[in-house]
Protein backbone atom coordinates (compact mmCIF):
# COMPACT_ATOMS: atom_id res chain seq x y z
CA MET A 1 15.87 -78.31 -18.29
CA ARG A 2 15.60 -75.55 -20.88
CA TYR A 3 12.28 -73.86 -21.47
CA SER A 4 11.52 -71.19 -24.06
CA LEU A 5 9.42 -68.83 -22.00
CA ILE A 6 8.05 -65.31 -22.28
CA PRO A 7 8.19 -63.64 -18.88
CA ILE A 8 5.27 -61.47 -17.81
CA ILE A 9 5.96 -59.05 -15.02
CA ALA A 10 3.37 -56.54 -13.90
CA ALA A 11 4.66 -53.12 -12.87
CA ALA A 12 2.36 -51.40 -10.41
CA SER A 13 0.93 -47.99 -11.25
CA LEU A 14 1.63 -45.40 -8.61
CA ILE A 15 -0.33 -42.30 -7.58
CA ILE A 16 1.92 -39.62 -6.19
CA THR A 17 0.31 -37.76 -3.31
CA GLY A 18 -0.05 -34.03 -3.67
CA CYS A 19 2.65 -33.03 -1.21
CA SER A 20 4.91 -30.05 -1.72
CA PRO A 21 8.46 -31.32 -2.37
CA SER A 22 11.24 -30.12 -0.11
CA SER A 23 14.40 -28.55 -1.45
CA GLU A 24 16.77 -30.97 -3.15
CA GLN A 25 19.69 -31.92 -0.93
CA SER A 26 22.95 -31.47 -2.80
CA ALA A 27 24.87 -33.84 -0.52
CA GLY A 28 22.55 -36.84 -0.82
CA VAL A 29 19.04 -37.70 0.29
CA ALA A 30 17.01 -35.52 2.62
CA SER A 31 17.12 -36.49 6.28
CA SER A 32 13.35 -36.63 6.80
CA PRO A 33 11.42 -39.73 5.66
CA ALA A 34 8.61 -37.39 4.64
CA ALA A 35 10.82 -35.44 2.20
CA ARG A 36 9.66 -35.75 -1.38
CA LYS A 37 12.67 -34.68 -3.44
CA VAL A 38 15.91 -36.64 -3.29
CA LYS A 39 19.14 -37.02 -5.20
CA ILE A 40 20.77 -40.45 -5.21
CA GLU A 41 24.29 -40.78 -6.60
CA LEU A 42 24.91 -44.19 -8.13
CA ALA A 43 28.17 -45.89 -9.07
CA SER A 44 27.78 -48.26 -12.02
CA TYR A 45 29.95 -51.32 -12.52
CA LEU A 46 29.60 -50.80 -16.26
CA PRO A 47 30.02 -47.81 -18.56
CA ALA A 48 26.59 -46.41 -19.47
CA THR A 49 27.55 -46.75 -23.15
CA THR A 50 27.87 -50.55 -22.90
CA HIS A 51 25.16 -52.00 -25.13
CA ILE A 52 22.13 -53.33 -23.20
CA VAL A 53 23.89 -54.17 -19.93
CA GLY A 54 25.34 -50.71 -19.22
CA GLU A 55 22.60 -48.70 -20.93
CA HIS A 56 19.95 -50.24 -18.72
CA ILE A 57 20.69 -48.24 -15.58
CA MET A 58 20.16 -45.05 -17.60
CA HIS A 59 16.71 -46.37 -18.52
CA ILE A 60 15.99 -46.97 -14.81
CA SER A 61 17.10 -43.42 -13.99
CA GLU A 62 14.89 -41.91 -16.70
CA GLU A 63 11.85 -43.95 -15.64
CA LEU A 64 12.30 -42.97 -12.00
CA ASP A 65 12.33 -39.32 -12.99
CA LYS A 66 9.03 -39.78 -14.87
CA VAL A 67 7.26 -41.91 -12.27
CA SER A 68 8.28 -39.66 -9.38
CA GLY A 69 7.47 -36.42 -11.19
CA GLY A 70 11.09 -35.36 -10.86
CA ASN A 71 11.25 -36.07 -7.14
CA ILE A 72 13.80 -38.90 -7.46
CA ASP A 73 16.99 -37.86 -9.20
CA LEU A 74 19.12 -41.00 -9.73
CA GLU A 75 22.42 -39.62 -10.97
CA VAL A 76 24.49 -42.32 -12.67
CA PHE A 77 28.29 -42.24 -12.60
CA ASP A 78 30.27 -44.47 -14.95
CA ALA A 79 32.54 -47.27 -13.82
CA GLY A 80 35.49 -45.85 -11.92
CA ALA A 81 34.18 -42.27 -11.70
CA LEU A 82 33.34 -42.49 -7.99
CA VAL A 83 34.90 -45.79 -6.90
CA GLY A 84 36.46 -48.77 -8.65
CA PRO A 85 33.98 -51.35 -9.98
CA LEU A 86 35.01 -54.00 -7.46
CA GLU A 87 34.70 -51.48 -4.60
CA ILE A 88 31.01 -50.71 -5.20
CA LEU A 89 29.50 -53.07 -2.61
CA ASP A 90 31.77 -51.81 0.18
CA ALA A 91 31.35 -48.18 -0.88
CA VAL A 92 27.53 -48.39 -0.86
CA SER A 93 27.52 -50.22 2.47
CA ASP A 94 29.85 -47.65 4.05
CA GLY A 95 27.83 -44.71 2.67
CA LYS A 96 30.65 -43.41 0.47
CA VAL A 97 28.17 -43.57 -2.41
CA ASP A 98 24.38 -43.76 -2.18
CA ALA A 99 23.80 -46.64 -4.59
CA GLY A 100 25.40 -49.09 -7.00
CA TYR A 101 24.47 -51.05 -10.13
CA GLY A 102 25.94 -54.33 -11.34
CA SER A 103 25.66 -58.04 -10.61
CA SER A 104 26.13 -59.82 -7.31
CA GLY A 105 28.41 -62.41 -8.89
CA PHE A 106 31.25 -59.90 -8.76
CA TRP A 107 31.20 -60.18 -4.94
CA MET A 108 31.94 -63.91 -5.11
CA GLY A 109 35.28 -63.36 -3.32
CA LYS A 110 33.46 -61.77 -0.36
CA ILE A 111 30.24 -63.81 -0.31
CA PRO A 112 30.33 -67.39 -1.71
CA SER A 113 26.55 -67.48 -2.31
CA ALA A 114 26.47 -64.16 -4.23
CA PRO A 115 26.76 -65.63 -7.76
CA ILE A 116 23.55 -67.67 -7.30
CA PHE A 117 21.72 -64.33 -7.42
CA THR A 118 23.26 -63.52 -10.80
CA ALA A 119 23.12 -66.70 -12.88
CA VAL A 120 22.98 -70.45 -12.33
CA PRO A 121 24.44 -72.99 -14.79
CA PHE A 122 21.73 -75.06 -16.52
CA GLY A 123 18.90 -72.88 -15.30
CA PRO A 124 16.60 -71.57 -14.03
CA SER A 125 15.08 -69.94 -17.08
CA PRO A 126 14.05 -66.25 -16.88
CA THR A 127 10.44 -66.88 -15.91
CA GLU A 128 11.36 -69.56 -13.40
CA PHE A 129 13.98 -67.26 -11.89
CA VAL A 130 11.55 -64.38 -11.31
CA ALA A 131 8.95 -66.82 -9.99
CA TRP A 132 11.42 -67.92 -7.31
CA LEU A 133 12.49 -64.35 -6.57
CA TYR A 134 9.03 -62.83 -6.14
CA HIS A 135 6.78 -65.76 -5.29
CA GLY A 136 9.28 -68.05 -3.58
CA ASN A 137 11.94 -67.15 -1.05
CA GLY A 138 14.41 -65.66 -3.52
CA MET A 139 14.26 -61.96 -2.62
CA ASP A 140 14.14 -62.66 1.12
CA LEU A 141 17.26 -64.82 0.82
CA TYR A 142 18.95 -62.24 -1.41
CA GLN A 143 18.50 -59.55 1.27
CA GLU A 144 19.41 -61.99 4.04
CA MET A 145 22.66 -62.77 2.24
CA TYR A 146 23.82 -59.15 2.44
CA ASP A 147 22.47 -58.68 5.99
CA GLN A 148 24.21 -61.70 7.46
CA ALA A 149 27.45 -60.80 5.68
CA GLY A 150 27.35 -57.43 7.45
CA PHE A 151 26.62 -55.17 4.47
CA ASN A 152 24.39 -52.15 5.11
CA VAL A 153 22.50 -52.30 1.80
CA LYS A 154 19.00 -52.71 0.42
CA VAL A 155 18.99 -54.93 -2.68
CA LEU A 156 16.54 -54.80 -5.59
CA VAL A 157 16.59 -56.68 -8.89
CA CYS A 158 16.28 -54.08 -11.63
CA GLY A 159 17.20 -56.02 -14.79
CA MET A 160 17.62 -59.40 -16.42
CA ILE A 161 19.02 -60.53 -19.76
CA PRO A 162 18.26 -63.73 -21.69
CA PRO A 163 20.82 -66.53 -22.27
CA GLU A 164 24.34 -65.49 -23.12
CA THR A 165 26.74 -67.07 -25.58
CA SER A 166 29.06 -69.49 -23.81
CA GLY A 167 32.35 -68.36 -25.23
CA TRP A 168 34.57 -66.95 -27.96
CA PHE A 169 37.55 -69.07 -28.96
CA ALA A 170 40.43 -68.82 -31.40
CA LYS A 171 40.00 -72.46 -32.45
CA GLU A 172 37.38 -75.20 -32.31
CA ILE A 173 36.77 -76.98 -29.03
CA ASN A 174 36.21 -80.60 -29.99
CA GLY A 175 36.73 -82.21 -26.60
CA PRO A 176 37.81 -81.60 -22.99
CA GLU A 177 41.48 -81.81 -23.99
CA ASP A 178 41.07 -78.55 -25.95
CA LEU A 179 40.16 -76.75 -22.73
CA LYS A 180 43.31 -77.74 -20.83
CA ASN A 181 45.51 -74.75 -19.94
CA LEU A 182 43.31 -72.36 -21.93
CA LYS A 183 43.47 -68.83 -20.50
CA MET A 184 39.89 -67.58 -20.46
CA ARG A 185 37.83 -64.78 -19.00
CA PHE A 186 34.83 -66.47 -17.38
CA PHE A 187 32.32 -65.11 -14.87
CA GLY A 188 30.50 -66.55 -11.88
CA LEU A 189 29.67 -70.15 -11.11
CA GLY A 190 30.34 -71.18 -14.70
CA GLY A 191 33.92 -70.05 -14.16
CA LEU A 192 34.28 -72.61 -11.36
CA VAL A 193 33.17 -75.30 -13.80
CA MET A 194 35.71 -74.24 -16.40
CA GLY A 195 38.44 -74.07 -13.78
CA LYS A 196 37.70 -77.63 -12.74
CA LEU A 197 38.11 -78.66 -16.40
CA GLY A 198 41.63 -77.25 -16.55
CA VAL A 199 40.95 -73.73 -17.80
CA SER A 200 42.97 -70.88 -16.27
CA VAL A 201 40.08 -68.55 -15.39
CA SER A 202 40.19 -64.81 -14.80
CA VAL A 203 37.33 -62.36 -14.25
CA LEU A 204 37.94 -59.12 -16.13
CA PRO A 205 35.62 -56.10 -16.34
CA GLY A 206 34.10 -55.67 -19.80
CA ALA A 207 36.36 -52.80 -20.85
CA GLU A 208 39.47 -54.90 -20.22
CA ILE A 209 38.48 -58.01 -22.19
CA PHE A 210 39.24 -56.91 -25.77
CA PRO A 211 42.72 -55.53 -24.94
CA ALA A 212 43.49 -58.76 -23.07
CA LEU A 213 42.46 -60.84 -26.09
CA GLU A 214 44.39 -58.63 -28.47
CA LYS A 215 47.59 -58.83 -26.39
CA GLY A 216 47.29 -62.57 -25.76
CA VAL A 217 46.80 -62.18 -22.02
CA ILE A 218 43.75 -64.44 -22.48
CA ASP A 219 43.01 -66.91 -25.28
CA ALA A 220 39.22 -66.92 -25.03
CA THR A 221 36.33 -65.19 -23.30
CA GLU A 222 32.66 -65.26 -22.44
CA TYR A 223 30.86 -62.03 -21.71
CA ALA A 224 27.25 -61.42 -22.65
CA LEU A 225 24.66 -61.53 -25.46
CA PRO A 226 25.67 -61.77 -29.15
CA SER A 227 24.79 -58.10 -29.74
CA VAL A 228 26.80 -57.00 -26.69
CA ASP A 229 29.79 -59.12 -27.68
CA ALA A 230 29.65 -57.72 -31.22
CA ASN A 231 29.84 -54.18 -29.84
CA GLN A 232 32.86 -55.22 -27.79
CA GLY A 233 34.58 -56.35 -31.00
CA PHE A 234 35.59 -59.85 -29.89
CA HIS A 235 35.14 -61.12 -33.46
CA LYS A 236 38.17 -59.10 -34.53
CA VAL A 237 40.43 -61.43 -32.54
CA VAL A 238 38.57 -64.73 -32.04
CA LYS A 239 36.10 -66.20 -34.52
CA TYR A 240 34.50 -69.28 -32.91
CA ASN A 241 31.36 -68.42 -30.93
CA TYR A 242 29.71 -71.25 -28.98
CA PHE A 243 26.10 -71.88 -27.93
CA PRO A 244 24.02 -72.49 -25.86
CA GLY A 245 24.89 -70.37 -22.84
CA TRP A 246 24.73 -73.28 -20.40
CA HIS A 247 26.42 -71.17 -17.72
CA GLN A 248 23.97 -68.24 -17.83
CA GLN A 249 20.47 -69.04 -19.03
CA ALA A 250 19.30 -65.86 -17.29
CA THR A 251 21.39 -63.12 -15.70
CA LEU A 252 20.15 -60.75 -12.99
CA PHE A 253 21.26 -57.15 -12.45
CA GLU A 254 21.00 -55.57 -9.02
CA LEU A 255 20.37 -52.12 -7.68
CA LEU A 256 22.08 -51.66 -4.29
CA ILE A 257 21.05 -48.74 -2.09
CA ASN A 258 22.68 -47.81 1.18
CA LYS A 259 20.21 -48.93 3.85
CA ASP A 260 20.27 -45.59 5.69
CA VAL A 261 19.53 -43.81 2.42
CA TRP A 262 16.72 -46.30 1.72
CA GLU A 263 15.14 -45.85 5.15
CA ASN A 264 15.19 -42.06 4.76
CA LEU A 265 13.01 -42.29 1.66
CA SER A 266 9.26 -41.95 1.98
CA GLU A 267 7.11 -45.05 1.51
CA THR A 268 5.97 -43.62 -1.82
CA GLN A 269 9.55 -43.17 -3.02
CA GLN A 270 10.46 -46.69 -1.95
CA ALA A 271 7.43 -48.03 -3.82
CA GLN A 272 8.36 -46.02 -6.91
CA ILE A 273 11.90 -47.42 -6.94
CA GLU A 274 10.65 -50.97 -6.38
CA SER A 275 8.05 -50.67 -9.15
CA VAL A 276 10.45 -49.16 -11.68
CA SER A 277 12.98 -51.88 -10.85
CA ARG A 278 10.45 -54.65 -11.46
CA ALA A 279 9.27 -53.02 -14.67
CA GLY A 280 12.92 -52.74 -15.68
CA ILE A 281 13.20 -56.52 -15.72
CA ILE A 282 10.68 -56.95 -18.54
CA ASP A 283 12.14 -54.05 -20.53
CA HIS A 284 15.66 -55.45 -20.22
CA LEU A 285 14.67 -59.01 -21.02
CA SER A 286 12.32 -58.26 -23.92
CA TYR A 287 14.77 -55.87 -25.59
CA GLY A 288 17.60 -58.35 -25.21
CA ASP A 289 15.53 -61.18 -26.68
CA ALA A 290 14.21 -59.09 -29.57
CA ILE A 291 17.53 -58.27 -31.23
CA GLN A 292 19.76 -61.33 -30.82
CA ALA A 293 18.74 -63.13 -34.02
CA ARG A 294 19.81 -60.12 -36.06
CA ALA A 295 23.05 -59.87 -34.09
CA ILE A 296 23.96 -63.50 -34.77
CA LYS A 297 23.28 -63.07 -38.50
CA GLU A 298 25.41 -59.93 -38.65
CA ASN A 299 28.23 -61.62 -36.74
CA VAL A 300 28.28 -64.39 -39.33
CA GLU A 301 27.63 -62.38 -42.51
CA LYS A 302 29.60 -59.21 -41.75
CA HIS A 303 32.30 -60.36 -39.35
CA GLY A 304 32.99 -63.93 -40.42
CA VAL A 305 32.07 -65.42 -37.06
CA ILE A 306 31.82 -69.22 -36.99
CA VAL A 307 28.84 -70.13 -34.83
CA LYS A 308 29.12 -73.52 -33.17
CA ASP A 309 26.86 -75.62 -30.97
CA TRP A 310 28.35 -77.60 -28.13
CA SER A 311 28.20 -81.34 -28.76
CA PRO A 312 25.91 -83.38 -26.48
CA GLU A 313 29.06 -84.90 -24.98
CA MET A 314 30.49 -81.50 -24.03
CA LEU A 315 27.18 -80.32 -22.58
CA ASP A 316 27.00 -83.52 -20.52
CA LEU A 317 30.53 -82.85 -19.29
CA PHE A 318 29.68 -79.28 -18.31
CA ARG A 319 26.55 -80.45 -16.48
CA LYS A 320 28.34 -83.27 -14.64
CA THR A 321 31.15 -80.93 -13.60
CA TRP A 322 28.63 -78.31 -12.45
CA GLU A 323 26.92 -80.89 -10.23
CA GLU A 324 30.30 -81.57 -8.61
CA VAL A 325 31.04 -77.87 -8.19
CA VAL A 326 27.72 -77.04 -6.56
CA GLN A 327 28.10 -79.85 -4.02
CA GLU A 328 31.61 -78.64 -3.19
CA GLN A 329 30.41 -75.07 -2.72
CA ALA A 330 27.49 -76.18 -0.53
CA ALA A 331 29.88 -78.18 1.66
CA LYS A 332 32.13 -75.13 2.11
CA ASP A 333 29.51 -72.50 2.93
CA ALA A 334 26.35 -72.95 5.01
CA PHE A 335 24.47 -70.03 3.47
CA PHE A 336 25.30 -71.18 -0.06
CA LYS A 337 23.74 -74.53 0.90
CA LYS A 338 20.69 -72.81 2.36
CA VAL A 339 20.06 -70.84 -0.84
CA TRP A 340 20.84 -73.78 -3.11
CA ASP A 341 18.53 -76.13 -1.19
CA ASP A 342 15.70 -73.58 -1.36
CA LEU A 343 16.16 -72.93 -5.09
CA SER A 344 16.42 -76.66 -5.81
CA ALA A 345 13.21 -77.40 -3.90
CA PHE A 346 11.41 -74.61 -5.76
CA ARG A 347 12.65 -75.92 -9.11
CA ALA A 348 11.61 -79.49 -8.32
CA GLU A 349 8.07 -78.34 -7.59
CA TYR A 350 8.06 -75.94 -10.55
CA ALA A 351 8.98 -78.82 -12.89
CA THR A 352 5.57 -80.41 -12.25
CA TRP A 353 4.14 -77.39 -14.06
CA GLY A 354 7.01 -76.40 -16.30
CA GLU A 355 7.40 -79.81 -17.93
CA ARG A 356 3.67 -80.04 -18.68
CA GLY A 357 2.49 -76.51 -19.26
CA TYR A 358 4.98 -75.39 -21.93
CA LEU A 359 5.84 -76.74 -25.34
CA LYS A 360 9.47 -77.81 -25.51
């Protein structure tokens, strides 16, 4: 099911109590829960200059400074500055860094259920996703996932982007035979689908994708929104850009905070971080949605991109293969099954409303 929805997320207004802030602690957060001024060092999976997806954590940092009256200093360090991108979850859990920003799907090798909390092939849509997170069992399961895997982190959703493009290719893909032995960068659960269809899948950080395309290490890639992909320059090497983004109709971004750091914050500071994170979702999503039409036009008119829609036959193949993949993953991992069963039950009930309440 694909719905065209406008998400509405209310960010709570906060009144900061008139307490005198303590001195800022240069080595991390203050030890007392009552302390009012803290510095949190954050390792980002993405460079802060990366359009939309990397820039967003800087927006979160700036908003926290405003909302807290300067009492929460979220200092953002670019990818690799403190720890390697793929080391962020372990580093935050171990207390080597205070916090991290990225997407849970990158921890797929450690936690099989992690990519469900980033993006799910063929839905849910953005509004349906946040409905499950905040008014279903989504956020409880998200935290439980990290807890039961032994990671000492507090997880918050702080961003979400609308549907991505589903790939950049050097030639047309007319049927499943054109996917065989293709070397492609592909992320998350969608990557498992492509792998099952004969694609040689790799997951590369954003900064490594263009050089890999240019050198022929990979033949094709998916990454993000049309405007993000344009900034990455993929059109200089591969010209065929396919839609819709069946693999990522909505993509979540997480803020991980070391649990000891989190528990040392005051209740007001915790509420400020939670509220700014929720408000960040609507900012991220609305900005991403607002500029993609222009980006697609510029890709075509200025860069010679050939925009293609997947045929109904190919979309049916992707969907059928996804249904096989999800059953295989559920059979392998009990917690994956638990999350998938809960999300599926929520979506089945939601459909009673979603299929009637919205124009299609």
